[in-house]
Amino acid sequence: MSKAFASQSDLSDKKISFTQLSQHCWAYTAEGDPNSGVIIGDKYILVSDTTATPLMAQDLIARIRAVSDKPIKYVLLTHYHAVRVLGASAYLVQGATEIIASKGTYDLIVERGAEDMQSEMDRFPRLFRGAESVPGLTWPTMVFGDGTPGRQGSITLDLGGVKVEIWHPGAGHTRGDTIAWVASEQVLFSGDLVEYEAGVYTGDAHLAEWPATLEALRALGAEAIVPGRG
C-alpha cells in the first residue's frame, strides 16, 4: 500500500499577499504555496505563473485589477508543472495574447504534461479546488530558444516604461526552467529554481547542473527575488 502525501491532508486556507516590490513589479504569495509574479507596464501586464486553476486565478486577477486596468498581454510559464500553468485560460479571457515558454518546457508538456496534471491534482487537493474549471493542458503560443542555456536565446518584452528579459539560465528544478529579469529595477522572477523556506520537489530536477544555474542567477545581483514558493 502506497503512503499518502502530506499535501493530501493539507486543506487549510493560506494567507495570500500581493506585495509591490518596485515601481512595476509585484509578488503574489501564499505561505509556501506556489507564487506568481506580476509586472505592470504603462501599456501591458505580464503574469509569471498562473496558479493551479482558472478559478484560483480569479483572486490574482482581482488584485491586479485593483491597481491597473492595463491588458494582461503576456503569461510566462517558468516551467511545466501543473500547479503553475493550468490557470492560464483565465488570463486569455483578460486579453492575454501570448503564453510564453522555453523549448525545454514545451517538450516536457508534450512528454508528460498529462501525467503531471493528474499527479498534481491527486497530490494537492486544496490547490485544485475548482479543477473542473481547467479546460485541459496549457499550450504555449510563443516558444523561445533551442534548449541551450544562456542569454543568447533570450527574448525582451517592452511593457511600456519597463522591459522584461526572459531566458532559460540552465537546468535545475526542471530542464526547461525560465526566469524573468527586470534589470532596471533589479527584480528577478526565478520560478522554482529558488524557493524560500519551502520543501523543494526534485522529481524532475537536474541536481548536477542546478548549482551552476543558481550561480548564474546570483551574478545578476538582484535586489528582490520572487521565488517559486515562500
C-alpha atoms as a PDB file:
ATOM      1  CA  MET A   1       0.000   0.000   0.000  1.00  0.00           C
ATOM      2  CA  SER A   2       1.458   3.350  -1.004  1.00  0.00           C
ATOM      3  CA  LYS A   3       1.976   6.038   1.611  1.00  0.00           C
ATOM      4  CA  ALA A   4      -0.201   9.153   1.301  1.00  0.00           C
ATOM      5  CA  PHE A   5       1.425  12.502   0.554  1.00  0.00           C
ATOM      6  CA  ALA A   6       1.287  15.028   3.404  1.00  0.00           C
ATOM      7  CA  SER A   7      -0.104  17.558   0.929  1.00  0.00           C
ATOM      8  CA  GLN A   8      -3.254  15.455   0.554  1.00  0.00           C
ATOM      9  CA  SER A   9      -4.304  16.350   4.103  1.00  0.00           C
ATOM     10  CA  ASP A  10      -3.191  19.999   3.878  1.00  0.00           C
ATOM     11  CA  LEU A  11      -6.604  21.545   3.329  1.00  0.00           C
ATOM     12  CA  SER A  12      -6.405  24.769   5.361  1.00  0.00           C
ATOM     13  CA  ASP A  13      -6.500  28.062   3.500  1.00  0.00           C
ATOM     14  CA  LYS A  14      -3.322  30.124   3.301  1.00  0.00           C
ATOM     15  CA  LYS A  15      -2.922  33.860   3.836  1.00  0.00           C
ATOM     16  CA  ILE A  16      -2.414  35.495   0.454  1.00  0.00           C
ATOM     17  CA  SER A  17      -0.338  38.640  -0.039  1.00  0.00           C
ATOM     18  CA  PHE A  18       0.047  40.894  -3.073  1.00  0.00           C
ATOM     19  CA  THR A  19       3.153  42.974  -2.477  1.00  0.00           C
ATOM     20  CA  GLN A  20       4.682  45.738  -4.578  1.00  0.00           C
ATOM     21  CA  LEU A  21       8.455  45.245  -4.835  1.00  0.00           C
ATOM     22  CA  SER A  22       9.405  48.097  -7.169  1.00  0.00           C
ATOM     23  CA  GLN A  23       7.767  50.607  -9.472  1.00  0.00           C
ATOM     24  CA  HIS A  24       6.475  47.918 -11.832  1.00  0.00           C
ATOM     25  CA  CYS A  25       6.934  44.561 -10.053  1.00  0.00           C
ATOM     26  CA  TRP A  26       4.624  42.697  -7.693  1.00  0.00           C
ATOM     27  CA  ALA A  27       4.681  39.354  -5.860  1.00  0.00           C
ATOM     28  CA  TYR A  28       1.629  37.183  -5.201  1.00  0.00           C
ATOM     29  CA  THR A  29       2.487  34.796  -2.373  1.00  0.00           C
ATOM     30  CA  ALA A  30       0.599  32.383  -0.120  1.00  0.00           C
ATOM     31  CA  GLU A  31       2.616  30.961   2.789  1.00  0.00           C
ATOM     32  CA  GLY A  32       4.568  28.358   0.850  1.00  0.00           C
ATOM     33  CA  ASP A  33       2.059  27.713  -1.913  1.00  0.00           C
ATOM     34  CA  PRO A  34       3.236  28.363  -5.484  1.00  0.00           C
ATOM     35  CA  ASN A  35       3.859  32.065  -6.084  1.00  0.00           C
ATOM     36  CA  SER A  36       3.021  34.216  -9.082  1.00  0.00           C
ATOM     37  CA  GLY A  37       4.752  37.372 -10.251  1.00  0.00           C
ATOM     38  CA  VAL A  38       3.243  40.407 -11.935  1.00  0.00           C
ATOM     39  CA  ILE A  39       4.943  43.127 -13.961  1.00  0.00           C
ATOM     40  CA  ILE A  40       2.720  46.094 -14.752  1.00  0.00           C
ATOM     41  CA  GLY A  41       3.846  48.381 -17.540  1.00  0.00           C
ATOM     42  CA  ASP A  42       2.284  51.537 -18.926  1.00  0.00           C
ATOM     43  CA  LYS A  43       0.816  49.531 -21.824  1.00  0.00           C
ATOM     44  CA  TYR A  44       0.728  45.858 -20.865  1.00  0.00           C
ATOM     45  CA  ILE A  45       0.913  43.423 -17.958  1.00  0.00           C
ATOM     46  CA  LEU A  46       2.900  40.184 -17.711  1.00  0.00           C
ATOM     47  CA  VAL A  47       1.954  37.423 -15.264  1.00  0.00           C
ATOM     48  CA  SER A  48       4.638  34.885 -14.345  1.00  0.00           C
ATOM     49  CA  ASP A  49       2.991  31.559 -13.401  1.00  0.00           C
ATOM     50  CA  THR A  50      -0.766  31.364 -13.469  1.00  0.00           C
ATOM     51  CA  THR A  51      -1.894  29.462 -10.326  1.00  0.00           C
ATOM     52  CA  ALA A  52      -3.300  25.946 -10.482  1.00  0.00           C
ATOM     53  CA  THR A  53      -6.779  26.582 -11.875  1.00  0.00           C
ATOM     54  CA  PRO A  54      -8.705  29.324 -13.687  1.00  0.00           C
ATOM     55  CA  LEU A  55     -10.938  29.566 -10.624  1.00  0.00           C
ATOM     56  CA  MET A  56      -7.956  30.232  -8.341  1.00  0.00           C
ATOM     57  CA  ALA A  57      -6.547  32.714 -10.852  1.00  0.00           C
ATOM     58  CA  GLN A  58      -9.557  34.965 -10.337  1.00  0.00           C
ATOM     59  CA  ASP A  59      -8.163  36.128  -6.996  1.00  0.00           C
ATOM     60  CA  LEU A  60      -4.877  37.214  -8.558  1.00  0.00           C
ATOM     61  CA  ILE A  61      -6.690  38.883 -11.450  1.00  0.00           C
ATOM     62  CA  ALA A  62      -8.887  40.802  -8.987  1.00  0.00           C
ATOM     63  CA  ARG A  63      -5.798  42.045  -7.145  1.00  0.00           C
ATOM     64  CA  ILE A  64      -4.201  43.137 -10.407  1.00  0.00           C
ATOM     65  CA  ARG A  65      -7.381  44.948 -11.392  1.00  0.00           C
ATOM     66  CA  ALA A  66      -7.346  46.819  -8.084  1.00  0.00           C
ATOM     67  CA  VAL A  67      -4.129  48.551  -9.184  1.00  0.00           C
ATOM     68  CA  SER A  68      -4.225  48.551 -13.008  1.00  0.00           C
ATOM     69  CA  ASP A  69      -6.688  48.316 -15.895  1.00  0.00           C
ATOM     70  CA  LYS A  70      -3.964  47.603 -18.490  1.00  0.00           C
ATOM     71  CA  PRO A  71      -4.393  44.441 -20.580  1.00  0.00           C
ATOM     72  CA  ILE A  72      -2.742  41.262 -19.337  1.00  0.00           C
ATOM     73  CA  LYS A  73      -0.965  40.570 -22.605  1.00  0.00           C
ATOM     74  CA  TYR A  74       1.688  38.027 -21.596  1.00  0.00           C
ATOM     75  CA  VAL A  75       1.676  34.897 -19.465  1.00  0.00           C
ATOM     76  CA  LEU A  76       5.039  33.302 -18.669  1.00  0.00           C
ATOM     77  CA  LEU A  77       5.370  29.633 -17.724  1.00  0.00           C
ATOM     78  CA  THR A  78       8.550  29.312 -15.647  1.00  0.00           C
ATOM     79  CA  HIS A  79       8.263  25.522 -16.000  1.00  0.00           C
ATOM     80  CA  TYR A  80       5.673  22.908 -16.906  1.00  0.00           C
ATOM     81  CA  HIS A  81       4.290  21.726 -13.550  1.00  0.00           C
ATOM     82  CA  ALA A  82       0.501  21.761 -13.376  1.00  0.00           C
ATOM     83  CA  VAL A  83       0.222  23.916 -10.239  1.00  0.00           C
ATOM     84  CA  ARG A  84       1.980  26.657 -12.203  1.00  0.00           C
ATOM     85  CA  VAL A  85       0.285  26.567 -15.561  1.00  0.00           C
ATOM     86  CA  LEU A  86      -3.282  25.226 -15.538  1.00  0.00           C
ATOM     87  CA  GLY A  87      -4.839  28.566 -14.576  1.00  0.00           C
ATOM     88  CA  ALA A  88      -3.758  30.111 -17.874  1.00  0.00           C
ATOM     89  CA  SER A  89      -7.157  30.111 -19.545  1.00  0.00           C
ATOM     90  CA  ALA A  90      -8.376  32.743 -17.055  1.00  0.00           C
ATOM     91  CA  TYR A  91      -5.876  35.204 -18.492  1.00  0.00           C
ATOM     92  CA  LEU A  92      -6.972  34.526 -22.050  1.00  0.00           C
ATOM     93  CA  VAL A  93     -10.342  35.929 -21.064  1.00  0.00           C
ATOM     94  CA  GLN A  94      -8.482  39.001 -19.796  1.00  0.00           C
ATOM     95  CA  GLY A  95      -6.924  39.507 -23.242  1.00  0.00           C
ATOM     96  CA  ALA A  96      -3.626  37.623 -22.992  1.00  0.00           C
ATOM     97  CA  THR A  97      -2.287  37.020 -26.486  1.00  0.00           C
ATOM     98  CA  GLU A  98       0.941  35.158 -25.723  1.00  0.00           C
ATOM     99  CA  ILE A  99       1.688  32.235 -23.415  1.00  0.00           C
ATOM    100  CA  ILE A 100       5.483  32.053 -23.271  1.00  0.00           C
ATOM    101  CA  ALA A 101       7.639  29.012 -22.522  1.00  0.00           C
ATOM    102  CA  SER A 102      11.120  27.729 -23.229  1.00  0.00           C
ATOM    103  CA  LYS A 103      11.712  24.884 -25.657  1.00  0.00           C
ATOM    104  CA  GLY A 104      12.530  22.637 -22.700  1.00  0.00           C
ATOM    105  CA  THR A 105       9.219  23.434 -21.016  1.00  0.00           C
ATOM    106  CA  TYR A 106       7.275  22.855 -24.219  1.00  0.00           C
ATOM    107  CA  ASP A 107       8.959  19.489 -24.695  1.00  0.00           C
ATOM    108  CA  LEU A 108       8.080  18.444 -21.140  1.00  0.00           C
ATOM    109  CA  ILE A 109       4.419  19.363 -21.681  1.00  0.00           C
ATOM    110  CA  VAL A 110       4.430  17.122 -24.746  1.00  0.00           C
ATOM    111  CA  GLU A 111       6.218  14.270 -22.960  1.00  0.00           C
ATOM    112  CA  ARG A 112       4.465  14.190 -19.623  1.00  0.00           C
ATOM    113  CA  GLY A 113       2.141  17.139 -19.178  1.00  0.00           C
ATOM    114  CA  ALA A 114      -0.969  14.963 -18.909  1.00  0.00           C
ATOM    115  CA  GLU A 115       0.710  12.636 -16.406  1.00  0.00           C
ATOM    116  CA  ASP A 116       1.891  15.561 -14.285  1.00  0.00           C
ATOM    117  CA  MET A 117      -1.556  17.153 -14.402  1.00  0.00           C
ATOM    118  CA  GLN A 118      -3.209  14.054 -12.940  1.00  0.00           C
ATOM    119  CA  SER A 119      -0.421  13.532 -10.405  1.00  0.00           C
ATOM    120  CA  GLU A 120      -0.588  17.064  -9.046  1.00  0.00           C
ATOM    121  CA  MET A 121      -4.389  17.091  -8.913  1.00  0.00           C
ATOM    122  CA  ASP A 122      -4.176  13.928  -6.788  1.00  0.00           C
ATOM    123  CA  ARG A 123      -1.410  15.311  -4.537  1.00  0.00           C
ATOM    124  CA  PHE A 124      -2.701  18.851  -3.980  1.00  0.00           C
ATOM    125  CA  PRO A 125      -6.486  18.772  -3.443  1.00  0.00           C
ATOM    126  CA  ARG A 126      -6.544  22.241  -1.867  1.00  0.00           C
ATOM    127  CA  LEU A 127      -4.757  23.841  -4.802  1.00  0.00           C
ATOM    128  CA  PHE A 128      -7.057  22.110  -7.252  1.00  0.00           C
ATOM    129  CA  ARG A 129     -10.361  23.142  -5.794  1.00  0.00           C
ATOM    130  CA  GLY A 130     -12.364  24.070  -8.837  1.00  0.00           C
ATOM    131  CA  ALA A 131     -10.424  21.635 -11.017  1.00  0.00           C
ATOM    132  CA  GLU A 132     -13.488  21.375 -13.240  1.00  0.00           C
ATOM    133  CA  SER A 133     -12.631  24.877 -14.482  1.00  0.00           C
ATOM    134  CA  VAL A 134      -9.400  23.578 -16.088  1.00  0.00           C
ATOM    135  CA  PRO A 135     -10.041  23.118 -19.832  1.00  0.00           C
ATOM    136  CA  GLY A 136      -7.005  20.875 -20.322  1.00  0.00           C
ATOM    137  CA  LEU A 137      -3.264  21.247 -20.706  1.00  0.00           C
ATOM    138  CA  THR A 138      -1.801  24.715 -21.172  1.00  0.00           C
ATOM    139  CA  TRP A 139      -0.011  25.030 -24.512  1.00  0.00           C
ATOM    140  CA  PRO A 140       2.458  27.867 -25.167  1.00  0.00           C
ATOM    141  CA  THR A 141       1.839  30.171 -28.094  1.00  0.00           C
ATOM    142  CA  MET A 142       5.420  31.538 -28.021  1.00  0.00           C
ATOM    143  CA  VAL A 143       8.261  29.032 -27.607  1.00  0.00           C
ATOM    144  CA  PHE A 144      11.738  30.524 -27.413  1.00  0.00           C
ATOM    145  CA  GLY A 145      15.258  29.130 -27.616  1.00  0.00           C
ATOM    146  CA  ASP A 146      16.521  25.711 -28.581  1.00  0.00           C
ATOM    147  CA  GLY A 147      17.120  24.356 -25.089  1.00  0.00           C
ATOM    148  CA  THR A 148      20.639  25.788 -24.834  1.00  0.00           C
ATOM    149  CA  PRO A 149      21.155  27.689 -21.562  1.00  0.00           C
ATOM    150  CA  GLY A 150      22.099  31.343 -21.582  1.00  0.00           C
ATOM    151  CA  ARG A 151      21.005  34.821 -22.528  1.00  0.00           C
ATOM    152  CA  GLN A 152      21.832  34.351 -26.193  1.00  0.00           C
ATOM    153  CA  GLY A 153      18.390  32.744 -26.578  1.00  0.00           C
ATOM    154  CA  SER A 154      16.552  35.372 -24.529  1.00  0.00           C
ATOM    155  CA  ILE A 155      13.566  37.464 -25.533  1.00  0.00           C
ATOM    156  CA  THR A 156      12.871  41.001 -24.327  1.00  0.00           C
ATOM    157  CA  LEU A 157       9.360  42.377 -23.902  1.00  0.00           C
ATOM    158  CA  ASP A 158       8.581  46.087 -23.707  1.00  0.00           C
ATOM    159  CA  LEU A 159       5.530  46.527 -21.457  1.00  0.00           C
ATOM    160  CA  GLY A 160       5.702  50.319 -21.731  1.00  0.00           C
ATOM    161  CA  GLY A 161       8.060  52.039 -19.323  1.00  0.00           C
ATOM    162  CA  VAL A 162       9.655  48.739 -18.309  1.00  0.00           C
ATOM    163  CA  LYS A 163      11.435  45.971 -20.209  1.00  0.00           C
ATOM    164  CA  VAL A 164      11.465  42.334 -19.175  1.00  0.00           C
ATOM    165  CA  GLU A 165      14.175  39.902 -20.267  1.00  0.00           C
ATOM    166  CA  ILE A 166      13.159  36.242 -20.357  1.00  0.00           C
ATOM    167  CA  TRP A 167      15.543  33.335 -20.772  1.00  0.00           C
ATOM    168  CA  HIS A 168      16.494  29.800 -19.775  1.00  0.00           C
ATOM    169  CA  PRO A 169      19.528  30.120 -17.471  1.00  0.00           C
ATOM    170  CA  GLY A 170      20.105  26.367 -17.218  1.00  0.00           C
ATOM    171  CA  ALA A 171      18.559  23.199 -15.854  1.00  0.00           C
ATOM    172  CA  GLY A 172      17.724  22.863 -12.178  1.00  0.00           C
ATOM    173  CA  HIS A 173      14.205  22.250 -10.948  1.00  0.00           C
ATOM    174  CA  THR A 174      13.399  21.018 -14.478  1.00  0.00           C
ATOM    175  CA  ARG A 175      15.263  21.077 -17.779  1.00  0.00           C
ATOM    176  CA  GLY A 176      13.163  23.980 -19.034  1.00  0.00           C
ATOM    177  CA  ASP A 177      13.380  26.464 -16.152  1.00  0.00           C
ATOM    178  CA  THR A 178      12.763  30.035 -17.238  1.00  0.00           C
ATOM    179  CA  ILE A 179      13.267  33.353 -15.452  1.00  0.00           C
ATOM    180  CA  ALA A 180      12.044  36.901 -15.927  1.00  0.00           C
ATOM    181  CA  TRP A 181      14.515  39.675 -15.128  1.00  0.00           C
ATOM    182  CA  VAL A 182      13.692  43.363 -14.790  1.00  0.00           C
ATOM    183  CA  ALA A 183      17.190  44.821 -14.896  1.00  0.00           C
ATOM    184  CA  SER A 184      16.131  48.438 -14.456  1.00  0.00           C
ATOM    185  CA  GLU A 185      14.589  47.585 -11.075  1.00  0.00           C
ATOM    186  CA  GLN A 186      16.824  44.590 -10.259  1.00  0.00           C
ATOM    187  CA  VAL A 187      13.883  42.257  -9.650  1.00  0.00           C
ATOM    188  CA  LEU A 188      14.164  38.565 -10.512  1.00  0.00           C
ATOM    189  CA  PHE A 189      11.263  36.171 -11.014  1.00  0.00           C
ATOM    190  CA  SER A 190      13.023  32.844 -10.543  1.00  0.00           C
ATOM    191  CA  GLY A 191      10.312  30.204 -10.617  1.00  0.00           C
ATOM    192  CA  ASP A 192      11.215  27.094  -8.632  1.00  0.00           C
ATOM    193  CA  LEU A 193      14.918  27.472  -9.278  1.00  0.00           C
ATOM    194  CA  VAL A 194      14.774  29.372  -5.981  1.00  0.00           C
ATOM    195  CA  GLU A 195      12.445  28.596  -3.076  1.00  0.00           C
ATOM    196  CA  TYR A 196      12.346  30.205   0.353  1.00  0.00           C
ATOM    197  CA  GLU A 197      11.591  28.157   3.477  1.00  0.00           C
ATOM    198  CA  ALA A 198       9.696  25.595   1.405  1.00  0.00           C
ATOM    199  CA  GLY A 199      10.244  21.962   0.515  1.00  0.00           C
ATOM    200  CA  VAL A 200      11.833  21.566  -2.915  1.00  0.00           C
ATOM    201  CA  TYR A 201      10.384  18.945  -5.264  1.00  0.00           C
ATOM    202  CA  THR A 202      13.164  17.210  -7.199  1.00  0.00           C
ATOM    203  CA  GLY A 203      11.282  14.628  -9.262  1.00  0.00           C
ATOM    204  CA  ASP A 204      12.232  16.436 -12.486  1.00  0.00           C
ATOM    205  CA  ALA A 205      15.422  18.002 -11.170  1.00  0.00           C
ATOM    206  CA  HIS A 206      18.870  18.096 -12.749  1.00  0.00           C
ATOM    207  CA  LEU A 207      20.816  18.115  -9.498  1.00  0.00           C
ATOM    208  CA  ALA A 208      24.299  18.157 -11.021  1.00  0.00           C
ATOM    209  CA  GLU A 209      23.510  21.268 -13.069  1.00  0.00           C
ATOM    210  CA  TRP A 210      21.384  23.180 -10.560  1.00  0.00           C
ATOM    211  CA  PRO A 211      24.274  24.826  -8.623  1.00  0.00           C
ATOM    212  CA  ALA A 212      25.763  26.363 -11.783  1.00  0.00           C
ATOM    213  CA  THR A 213      22.322  27.657 -12.762  1.00  0.00           C
ATOM    214  CA  LEU A 214      21.952  29.268  -9.346  1.00  0.00           C
ATOM    215  CA  GLU A 215      25.353  30.909  -9.719  1.00  0.00           C
ATOM    216  CA  ALA A 216      24.155  32.446 -12.995  1.00  0.00           C
ATOM    217  CA  LEU A 217      21.217  33.921 -11.090  1.00  0.00           C
ATOM    218  CA  ARG A 218      23.453  35.149  -8.276  1.00  0.00           C
ATOM    219  CA  ALA A 219      25.608  37.000 -10.816  1.00  0.00           C
ATOM    220  CA  LEU A 220      22.614  39.187 -11.743  1.00  0.00           C
ATOM    221  CA  GLY A 221      22.834  40.942  -8.375  1.00  0.00           C
ATOM    222  CA  ALA A 222      19.069  41.042  -7.823  1.00  0.00           C
ATOM    223  CA  GLU A 223      17.787  43.296  -5.053  1.00  0.00           C
ATOM    224  CA  ALA A 224      14.476  41.418  -4.869  1.00  0.00           C
ATOM    225  CA  ILE A 225      13.566  37.875  -5.858  1.00  0.00           C
ATOM    226  CA  VAL A 226      10.124  36.364  -6.352  1.00  0.00           C
ATOM    227  CA  PRO A 227      10.862  32.691  -5.660  1.00  0.00           C
ATOM    228  CA  GLY A 228       8.733  29.771  -6.740  1.00  0.00           C
ATOM    229  CA  ARG A 229       7.463  29.261  -3.200  1.00  0.00           C
ATOM    230  CA  GLY A 230       7.814  31.095   0.075  1.00  0.00           C
END
